[in-house]
C-alpha atoms as a PDB file:
ATOM      1  CA  MET A   1       4.266  35.760   4.258  1.00  0.00           C
ATOM      2  CA  THR A   2       6.204  34.614   1.244  1.00  0.00           C
ATOM      3  CA  SER A   3       6.768  31.379  -0.664  1.00  0.00           C
ATOM      4  CA  ILE A   4       9.855  29.377  -1.612  1.00  0.00           C
ATOM      5  CA  PRO A   5      10.943  30.648  -5.054  1.00  0.00           C
ATOM      6  CA  THR A   6      11.373  28.169  -7.874  1.00  0.00           C
ATOM      7  CA  GLU A   7      14.732  29.799  -8.595  1.00  0.00           C
ATOM      8  CA  ILE A   8      16.097  27.961  -5.582  1.00  0.00           C
ATOM      9  CA  GLY A   9      16.932  25.157  -7.985  1.00  0.00           C
ATOM     10  CA  LEU A  10      19.711  27.344  -9.415  1.00  0.00           C
ATOM     11  CA  LEU A  11      21.766  26.654  -6.271  1.00  0.00           C
ATOM     12  CA  SER A  12      22.013  22.984  -7.158  1.00  0.00           C
ATOM     13  CA  ASN A  13      25.813  22.893  -7.393  1.00  0.00           C
ATOM     14  CA  SER A  14      26.662  24.511  -4.070  1.00  0.00           C
ATOM     15  CA  LEU A  15      23.966  24.420  -1.388  1.00  0.00           C
ATOM     16  CA  GLN A  16      24.533  21.815   1.320  1.00  0.00           C
ATOM     17  CA  VAL A  17      22.230  23.068   4.100  1.00  0.00           C
ATOM     18  CA  LEU A  18      18.846  24.705   3.593  1.00  0.00           C
ATOM     19  CA  ASN A  19      17.356  25.800   6.906  1.00  0.00           C
ATOM     20  CA  LEU A  20      14.089  27.731   6.507  1.00  0.00           C
ATOM     21  CA  MET A  21      12.632  26.733   9.847  1.00  0.00           C
ATOM     22  CA  HIS A  22      10.052  29.179  11.205  1.00  0.00           C
ATOM     23  CA  CYS A  23      10.316  31.608   8.299  1.00  0.00           C
ATOM     24  CA  ILE A  24       6.549  32.156   7.917  1.00  0.00           C
ATOM     25  CA  LEU A  25       6.560  30.515   4.495  1.00  0.00           C
ATOM     26  CA  GLU A  26       3.331  29.654   2.681  1.00  0.00           C
ATOM     27  CA  GLY A  27       2.356  27.909  -0.531  1.00  0.00           C
ATOM     28  CA  GLU A  28       3.648  24.610  -1.842  1.00  0.00           C
ATOM     29  CA  ILE A  29       7.144  23.148  -1.756  1.00  0.00           C
ATOM     30  CA  PRO A  30       8.480  23.728  -5.293  1.00  0.00           C
ATOM     31  CA  THR A  31       9.607  20.647  -7.179  1.00  0.00           C
ATOM     32  CA  GLU A  32      12.848  22.492  -7.935  1.00  0.00           C
ATOM     33  CA  VAL A  33      14.032  21.717  -4.409  1.00  0.00           C
ATOM     34  CA  GLY A  34      14.686  18.246  -5.778  1.00  0.00           C
ATOM     35  CA  LEU A  35      17.482  19.731  -7.923  1.00  0.00           C
ATOM     36  CA  LEU A  36      19.590  20.544  -4.855  1.00  0.00           C
ATOM     37  CA  ARG A  37      21.584  17.352  -5.147  1.00  0.00           C
ATOM     38  CA  GLN A  38      24.376  18.514  -2.793  1.00  0.00           C
ATOM     39  CA  LEU A  39      22.012  19.063   0.138  1.00  0.00           C
ATOM     40  CA  LYS A  40      22.771  17.243   3.383  1.00  0.00           C
ATOM     41  CA  LYS A  41      20.096  18.868   5.510  1.00  0.00           C
ATOM     42  CA  LEU A  42      16.676  20.243   4.537  1.00  0.00           C
ATOM     43  CA  ASP A  43      14.604  21.967   7.216  1.00  0.00           C
ATOM     44  CA  LEU A  44      11.258  23.492   6.193  1.00  0.00           C
ATOM     45  CA  SER A  45       9.597  22.981   9.561  1.00  0.00           C
ATOM     46  CA  GLU A  46       7.244  25.282  11.456  1.00  0.00           C
ATOM     47  CA  ASN A  47       5.851  27.178   8.492  1.00  0.00           C
ATOM     48  CA  PHE A  48       2.527  27.349   6.664  1.00  0.00           C
ATOM     49  CA  LEU A  49       3.439  25.147   3.720  1.00  0.00           C
ATOM     50  CA  GLU A  50       0.591  23.199   2.125  1.00  0.00           C
ATOM     51  CA  GLY A  51      -0.104  20.809  -0.701  1.00  0.00           C
ATOM     52  CA  ARG A  52       1.632  17.498  -1.230  1.00  0.00           C
ATOM     53  CA  ILE A  53       5.220  16.542  -0.515  1.00  0.00           C
ATOM     54  CA  PRO A  54       6.944  16.614  -3.931  1.00  0.00           C
ATOM     55  CA  SER A  55       8.152  13.205  -5.059  1.00  0.00           C
ATOM     56  CA  GLU A  56      11.219  15.005  -6.424  1.00  0.00           C
ATOM     57  CA  LEU A  57      12.583  15.215  -2.878  1.00  0.00           C
ATOM     58  CA  GLY A  58      13.435  11.559  -3.300  1.00  0.00           C
ATOM     59  CA  MET A  59      16.280  12.612  -5.618  1.00  0.00           C
ATOM     60  CA  LEU A  60      18.133  14.210  -2.697  1.00  0.00           C
ATOM     61  CA  ASP A  61      20.328  11.193  -2.121  1.00  0.00           C
ATOM     62  CA  LYS A  62      22.817  13.068   0.103  1.00  0.00           C
ATOM     63  CA  VAL A  63      20.268  14.428   2.567  1.00  0.00           C
ATOM     64  CA  GLU A  64      20.743  13.007   6.045  1.00  0.00           C
ATOM     65  CA  ASN A  65      18.006  14.914   7.881  1.00  0.00           C
ATOM     66  CA  LEU A  66      14.647  16.011   6.478  1.00  0.00           C
ATOM     67  CA  TYR A  67      12.349  18.190   8.575  1.00  0.00           C
ATOM     68  CA  LEU A  68       8.865  18.912   7.204  1.00  0.00           C
ATOM     69  CA  ASN A  69       7.088  18.947  10.550  1.00  0.00           C
ATOM     70  CA  HIS A  70       4.537  21.498  11.756  1.00  0.00           C
ATOM     71  CA  ASN A  71       3.115  22.593   8.423  1.00  0.00           C
ATOM     72  CA  TYR A  72      -0.150  21.924   6.568  1.00  0.00           C
ATOM     73  CA  LEU A  73       1.125  19.308   4.141  1.00  0.00           C
ATOM     74  CA  ALA A  74      -1.461  16.791   2.913  1.00  0.00           C
ATOM     75  CA  GLY A  75      -1.725  13.573   0.960  1.00  0.00           C
ATOM     76  CA  GLN A  76       0.404  10.463   1.205  1.00  0.00           C
ATOM     77  CA  VAL A  77       4.133  10.490   1.844  1.00  0.00           C
ATOM     78  CA  PRO A  78       5.542   9.707  -1.625  1.00  0.00           C
ATOM     79  CA  THR A  79       7.325   6.393  -1.940  1.00  0.00           C
ATOM     80  CA  GLU A  80      10.263   8.181  -3.570  1.00  0.00           C
ATOM     81  CA  ILE A  81      11.163   9.654  -0.173  1.00  0.00           C
ATOM     82  CA  PHE A  82      12.180   6.179   0.939  1.00  0.00           C
ATOM     83  CA  SER A  83      14.832   5.930  -1.768  1.00  0.00           C
ATOM     84  CA  MET A  84      16.983   8.619  -0.112  1.00  0.00           C
ATOM     85  CA  GLU A  85      20.141   6.588   0.405  1.00  0.00           C
ATOM     86  CA  SER A  86      21.766   8.746   3.114  1.00  0.00           C
ATOM     87  CA  ILE A  87      18.683   9.601   5.164  1.00  0.00           C
ATOM     88  CA  GLU A  88      19.094   9.227   8.928  1.00  0.00           C
ATOM     89  CA  GLY A  89      16.145  11.243  10.196  1.00  0.00           C
ATOM     90  CA  LEU A  90      12.637  11.974   8.889  1.00  0.00           C
ATOM     91  CA  ASN A  91      10.223  14.322  10.638  1.00  0.00           C
ATOM     92  CA  PHE A  92       6.685  14.626   9.218  1.00  0.00           C
ATOM     93  CA  ALA A  93       4.988  15.440  12.541  1.00  0.00           C
ATOM     94  CA  VAL A  94       1.915  17.656  12.855  1.00  0.00           C
ATOM     95  CA  ASN A  95       0.693  17.966   9.294  1.00  0.00           C
ATOM     96  CA  ALA A  96      -2.415  16.653   7.537  1.00  0.00           C
ATOM     97  CA  LEU A  97      -0.774  13.671   5.871  1.00  0.00           C
ATOM     98  CA  SER A  98      -3.008  10.714   5.030  1.00  0.00           C
ATOM     99  CA  GLY A  99      -2.886   7.417   3.194  1.00  0.00           C
ATOM    100  CA  THR A 100      -0.631   4.606   4.346  1.00  0.00           C
ATOM    101  CA  LEU A 101       3.048   4.137   5.091  1.00  0.00           C
ATOM    102  CA  PRO A 102       4.443   2.308   2.041  1.00  0.00           C
ATOM    103  CA  THR A 103       6.398  -0.907   2.345  1.00  0.00           C
ATOM    104  CA  GLU A 104       9.339   0.915   0.722  1.00  0.00           C
ATOM    105  CA  LEU A 105       9.923   2.315   4.194  1.00  0.00           C
ATOM    106  CA  GLY A 106      12.093  -0.717   4.818  1.00  0.00           C
ATOM    107  CA  LEU A 107      14.620   0.499   2.243  1.00  0.00           C
ATOM    108  CA  ILE A 108      15.969   3.401   4.319  1.00  0.00           C
ATOM    109  CA  SER A 109      18.373   1.202   6.219  1.00  0.00           C
ATOM    110  CA  ASN A 110      20.371   4.096   7.736  1.00  0.00           C
ATOM    111  CA  VAL A 111      17.408   5.814   9.362  1.00  0.00           C
ATOM    112  CA  GLN A 112      17.748   6.413  13.090  1.00  0.00           C
ATOM    113  CA  TRP A 113      14.554   8.290  13.828  1.00  0.00           C
ATOM    114  CA  LEU A 114      11.140   8.534  12.219  1.00  0.00           C
ATOM    115  CA  ASN A 115       8.456  10.932  13.385  1.00  0.00           C
ATOM    116  CA  THR A 116       4.943  10.786  11.902  1.00  0.00           C
ATOM    117  CA  TYR A 117       3.168  12.029  15.038  1.00  0.00           C
ATOM    118  CA  GLY A 118      -0.064  14.002  14.635  1.00  0.00           C
ATOM    119  CA  ASN A 119      -1.294  13.148  11.136  1.00  0.00           C
ATOM    120  CA  TRP A 120      -4.118  11.124   9.537  1.00  0.00           C
ATOM    121  CA  ILE A 121      -2.010   8.201   8.362  1.00  0.00           C
ATOM    122  CA  GLU A 122      -3.978   4.945   8.314  1.00  0.00           C
ATOM    123  CA  GLY A 123      -3.588   1.289   7.493  1.00  0.00           C
ATOM    124  CA  THR A 124      -1.302  -1.149   9.251  1.00  0.00           C
ATOM    125  CA  LEU A 125       2.178  -0.491  10.548  1.00  0.00           C
ATOM    126  CA  PRO A 126       4.400  -2.024   7.836  1.00  0.00           C
ATOM    127  CA  SER A 127       6.232  -5.160   8.853  1.00  0.00           C
ATOM    128  CA  GLU A 128       9.179  -3.758   6.885  1.00  0.00           C
ATOM    129  CA  LEU A 129       9.870  -1.491   9.865  1.00  0.00           C
ATOM    130  CA  GLY A 130      11.726  -4.463  11.289  1.00  0.00           C
ATOM    131  CA  ARG A 131      14.486  -3.900   8.735  1.00  0.00           C
ATOM    132  CA  LEU A 132      15.458  -0.561  10.295  1.00  0.00           C
ATOM    133  CA  HIS A 133      18.142  -1.907  12.580  1.00  0.00           C
ATOM    134  CA  LYS A 134      19.690   1.505  13.311  1.00  0.00           C
ATOM    135  CA  MET A 135      16.459   2.959  14.683  1.00  0.00           C
ATOM    136  CA  VAL A 136      16.759   5.025  17.858  1.00  0.00           C
ATOM    137  CA  ALA A 137      13.284   6.577  18.013  1.00  0.00           C
ATOM    138  CA  MET A 138      10.002   5.879  16.240  1.00  0.00           C
ATOM    139  CA  HIS A 139       7.202   8.300  17.067  1.00  0.00           C
ATOM    140  CA  SER A 140       3.941   7.403  15.298  1.00  0.00           C
ATOM    141  CA  SER A 141       1.344   8.393  17.864  1.00  0.00           C
ATOM    142  CA  HIS A 142      -1.918  10.258  17.172  1.00  0.00           C
ATOM    143  CA  ASN A 143      -2.649   8.757  13.766  1.00  0.00           C
ATOM    144  CA  LEU A 144      -5.210   6.244  12.461  1.00  0.00           C
ATOM    145  CA  PHE A 145      -3.093   3.088  12.300  1.00  0.00           C
ATOM    146  CA  THR A 146      -5.143  -0.114  12.511  1.00  0.00           C
ATOM    147  CA  GLY A 147      -4.506  -3.828  12.806  1.00  0.00           C
ATOM    148  CA  SER A 148      -2.120  -5.556  15.151  1.00  0.00           C
ATOM    149  CA  ILE A 149       1.341  -4.490  16.248  1.00  0.00           C
ATOM    150  CA  PRO A 150       3.715  -6.269  13.837  1.00  0.00           C
ATOM    151  CA  THR A 151       5.926  -8.873  15.433  1.00  0.00           C
ATOM    152  CA  GLU A 152       8.755  -7.568  13.241  1.00  0.00           C
ATOM    153  CA  LEU A 153       9.058  -4.526  15.510  1.00  0.00           C
ATOM    154  CA  GLY A 154      10.988  -6.887  17.742  1.00  0.00           C
ATOM    155  CA  LEU A 155      13.845  -6.517  15.232  1.00  0.00           C
ATOM    156  CA  LEU A 156      13.927  -2.723  15.463  1.00  0.00           C
ATOM    157  CA  GLY A 157      17.100  -0.944  16.410  1.00  0.00           C
ATOM    158  CA  GLN A 158      20.436  -2.148  17.666  1.00  0.00           C
ATOM    159  CA  SER A 159      21.391   1.148  19.270  1.00  0.00           C
ATOM    160  CA  ASN A 160      22.105   1.735  22.938  1.00  0.00           C
ATOM    161  CA  SER A 161      18.540   2.942  23.493  1.00  0.00           C
ATOM    162  CA  LEU A 162      15.269   2.714  21.608  1.00  0.00           C
ATOM    163  CA  SER A 163      12.015   4.649  22.040  1.00  0.00           C
ATOM    164  CA  LEU A 164       8.826   3.280  20.481  1.00  0.00           C
ATOM    165  CA  ASP A 165       5.724   5.478  20.639  1.00  0.00           C
ATOM    166  CA  ILE A 166       2.530   4.195  18.992  1.00  0.00           C
ATOM    167  CA  ARG A 167      -0.002   5.851  21.309  1.00  0.00           C
ATOM    168  CA  TYR A 168      -3.490   6.969  20.285  1.00  0.00           C
ATOM    169  CA  ASN A 169      -4.091   4.935  17.181  1.00  0.00           C
ATOM    170  CA  GLU A 170      -6.607   2.150  16.509  1.00  0.00           C
ATOM    171  CA  LEU A 171      -4.347  -0.837  17.048  1.00  0.00           C
ATOM    172  CA  VAL A 172      -5.880  -4.117  18.221  1.00  0.00           C
ATOM    173  CA  GLY A 173      -4.918  -7.511  19.552  1.00  0.00           C
ATOM    174  CA  GLN A 174      -2.240  -8.586  21.974  1.00  0.00           C
ATOM    175  CA  VAL A 175       1.117  -6.939  22.484  1.00  0.00           C
ATOM    176  CA  PRO A 176       3.588  -9.244  20.659  1.00  0.00           C
ATOM    177  CA  SER A 177       6.068 -11.051  22.859  1.00  0.00           C
ATOM    178  CA  GLU A 178       8.763 -10.314  20.258  1.00  0.00           C
ATOM    179  CA  LEU A 179       9.037  -6.775  21.657  1.00  0.00           C
ATOM    180  CA  GLY A 180      10.636  -8.355  24.692  1.00  0.00           C
ATOM    181  CA  ALA A 181      13.692  -9.078  22.556  1.00  0.00           C
ATOM    182  CA  LEU A 182      14.426  -5.340  22.438  1.00  0.00           C
ATOM    183  CA  THR A 183      16.843  -5.260  25.350  1.00  0.00           C
ATOM    184  CA  ASN A 184      17.715  -1.654  24.386  1.00  0.00           C
ATOM    185  CA  LEU A 185      14.066  -0.506  24.756  1.00  0.00           C
ATOM    186  CA  VAL A 186      13.767   2.429  27.174  1.00  0.00           C
ATOM    187  CA  ILE A 187      10.328   3.833  26.224  1.00  0.00           C
ATOM    188  CA  LEU A 188       7.330   1.777  25.091  1.00  0.00           C
ATOM    189  CA  ALA A 189       4.227   3.966  24.798  1.00  0.00           C
ATOM    190  CA  MET A 190       0.973   2.325  23.695  1.00  0.00           C
ATOM    191  CA  GLU A 191      -1.941   3.925  25.546  1.00  0.00           C
ATOM    192  CA  GLY A 192      -4.913   5.212  23.608  1.00  0.00           C
ATOM    193  CA  ASN A 193      -5.306   1.975  21.629  1.00  0.00           C
ATOM    194  CA  SER A 194      -8.477   0.604  23.196  1.00  0.00           C
ATOM    195  CA  GLY A 195      -8.365  -2.516  21.010  1.00  0.00           C
ATOM    196  CA  LEU A 196      -5.194  -3.815  22.630  1.00  0.00           C
ATOM    197  CA  THR A 197      -6.044  -6.631  25.033  1.00  0.00           C
ATOM    198  CA  GLY A 198      -4.603  -9.414  27.149  1.00  0.00           C
ATOM    199  CA  ASP A 199      -1.603  -9.638  29.408  1.00  0.00           C
ATOM    200  CA  MET A 200       1.659  -7.866  28.805  1.00  0.00           C
ATOM    201  CA  PRO A 201       4.175 -10.521  27.646  1.00  0.00           C
ATOM    202  CA  PRO A 202       6.461 -11.595  30.503  1.00  0.00           C
ATOM    203  CA  LYS A 203       9.581 -10.722  28.496  1.00  0.00           C
ATOM    204  CA  ILE A 204       8.509  -7.072  28.376  1.00  0.00           C
ATOM    205  CA  CYS A 205       7.716  -7.092  32.082  1.00  0.00           C
ATOM    206  CA  GLN A 206      11.170  -8.500  32.693  1.00  0.00           C
ATOM    207  CA  LEU A 207      12.734  -5.518  30.925  1.00  0.00           C
ATOM    208  CA  MET A 208      11.012  -3.332  33.502  1.00  0.00           C
ATOM    209  CA  ASP A 209      12.118  -5.534  36.391  1.00  0.00           C
ATOM    210  CA  ASP A 210      15.696  -5.415  35.083  1.00  0.00           C
ATOM    211  CA  TRP A 211      15.621  -1.585  35.067  1.00  0.00           C
ATOM    212  CA  LYS A 212      16.119  -1.468  31.290  1.00  0.00           C
ATOM    213  CA  LEU A 213      12.655  -0.303  30.218  1.00  0.00           C
ATOM    214  CA  ASN A 214      12.066   2.897  32.202  1.00  0.00           C
ATOM    215  CA  THR A 215       8.733   4.025  30.689  1.00  0.00           C
ATOM    216  CA  LEU A 216       5.883   1.631  29.922  1.00  0.00           C
ATOM    217  CA  SER A 217       2.656   3.415  29.013  1.00  0.00           C
ATOM    218  CA  LEU A 218      -0.620   1.632  28.194  1.00  0.00           C
ATOM    219  CA  ASP A 219      -4.314   1.439  29.105  1.00  0.00           C
ATOM    220  CA  CYS A 220      -4.513  -0.487  32.354  1.00  0.00           C
ATOM    221  CA  ASP A 221      -8.166  -1.401  31.857  1.00  0.00           C
ATOM    222  CA  SER A 222      -7.442  -3.393  28.684  1.00  0.00           C
ATOM    223  CA  VAL A 223      -3.840  -4.595  29.002  1.00  0.00           C
ATOM    224  CA  SER A 224      -2.036  -5.615  32.180  1.00  0.00           C
ATOM    225  CA  CYS A 225       0.975  -7.605  33.280  1.00  0.00           C
ATOM    226  CA  ALA A 226       0.331 -11.052  34.640  1.00  0.00           C
ATOM    227  CA  SER A 227       0.977 -11.042  38.377  1.00  0.00           C
ATOM    228  CA  ASN A 228       3.230 -14.093  38.153  1.00  0.00           C
ATOM    229  CA  ALA A 229       5.380 -12.380  35.517  1.00  0.00           C
ATOM    230  CA  CYS A 230       5.718  -8.951  37.093  1.00  0.00           C
ATOM    231  CA  GLY A 231       6.309  -9.691  40.714  1.00  0.00           C
ATOM    232  CA  GLY A 232       9.122  -8.197  42.739  1.00  0.00           C
ATOM    233  CA  ASP A 233       9.851  -4.668  43.796  1.00  0.00           C
ATOM    234  CA  GLN A 234       9.132  -3.116  40.392  1.00  0.00           C
ATOM    235  CA  GLY A 235       5.922  -5.013  39.646  1.00  0.00           C
ATOM    236  CA  GLU A 236       3.696  -2.029  40.335  1.00  0.00           C
ATOM    237  CA  TYR A 237       5.084  -0.259  37.278  1.00  0.00           C
ATOM    238  CA  CYS A 238       3.772  -3.020  35.054  1.00  0.00           C
ATOM    239  CA  LEU A 239       0.425  -3.350  36.775  1.00  0.00           C
ATOM    240  CA  CYS A 240      -0.490   0.308  36.497  1.00  0.00           C
ATOM    241  CA  PRO A 241       1.996   1.937  34.175  1.00  0.00           C
ATOM    242  CA  VAL A 242       0.080   4.888  32.680  1.00  0.00           C
ATOM    243  CA  VAL A 243       2.519   7.785  32.371  1.00  0.00           C
ATOM    244  CA  THR A 244       1.941  11.321  31.118  1.00  0.00           C
ATOM    245  CA  LEU A 245       4.275  11.778  28.178  1.00  0.00           C
ATOM    246  CA  ASN A 246       5.261  14.971  26.390  1.00  0.00           C
ATOM    247  CA  ASP A 247       4.559  14.628  22.669  1.00  0.00           C
ATOM    248  CA  ASP A 248       7.388  17.045  21.867  1.00  0.00           C
ATOM    249  CA  GLU A 249       9.906  14.853  23.673  1.00  0.00           C
ATOM    250  CA  VAL A 250       9.034  11.206  23.030  1.00  0.00           C
ATOM    251  CA  GLY A 251      10.651   9.990  19.843  1.00  0.00           C
ATOM    252  CA  GLU A 252      11.288  13.512  18.517  1.00  0.00           C
ATOM    253  CA  GLN A 253      14.848  14.559  17.868  1.00  0.00           C
ATOM    254  CA  GLN A 254      15.974  18.073  18.651  1.00  0.00           C
ATOM    255  CA  GLN A 255      16.793  20.169  15.613  1.00  0.00           C
ATOM    256  CA  ASP A 256      20.133  21.899  15.748  1.00  0.00           C
ATOM    257  CA  ASP A 257      20.830  25.512  14.819  1.00  0.00           C
ATOM    258  CA  THR A 258      22.761  24.749  11.661  1.00  0.00           C
ATOM    259  CA  VAL A 259      22.218  27.459   9.063  1.00  0.00           C
END
């Protein structure tokens, strides 16, 4: 195994794509990567990188897609990451990241997908997520998020389809009726949050009855659809909607082969 050399910063005037996916890299991400101001894509996924995510990556204001998934990165995602003006996709999945998601998350207005699956991130889901109107997929399952589901998620995404995966956290309370305003919602995955209770809001059940929401996944023993809201031919999908979902598919965008 080898590490990313600090001399990589010398390519600052020319490099637009850095794809080091699955290159058996180890060590820390050098801060000099932040000097690559012409970069549009940075892919360091599926390696053995460790340590913290350098705050200097926030200087990459032309990067549209950032892949750091499937490494051993730790600590909190630096707030500087959320000042990347051109960012459309962020993938932090399957690391050892901790701390909270900062409120600055709401500043990345162009983001279309966000993947934090499989980390140790805690605290509440920021209400500022509701500002991300271009969101197509949010995959934040298998973390330690607590508190209630923010009503502001009902403002997420204005795309043709939206996937929202918040499975296997420690979320509590009732599912907010505001999610029913997401007429573009095709996947809503919430199982593994034993603190969620009550009836599924009728507006969400209606999305299922209207054949818009095609996957509704939750714990039937704690949350259910009211029988008078989810009647009709599709009511059974609301009443017992647990579905086996593939963590590599829900909310995770496919990486292309750009080199």
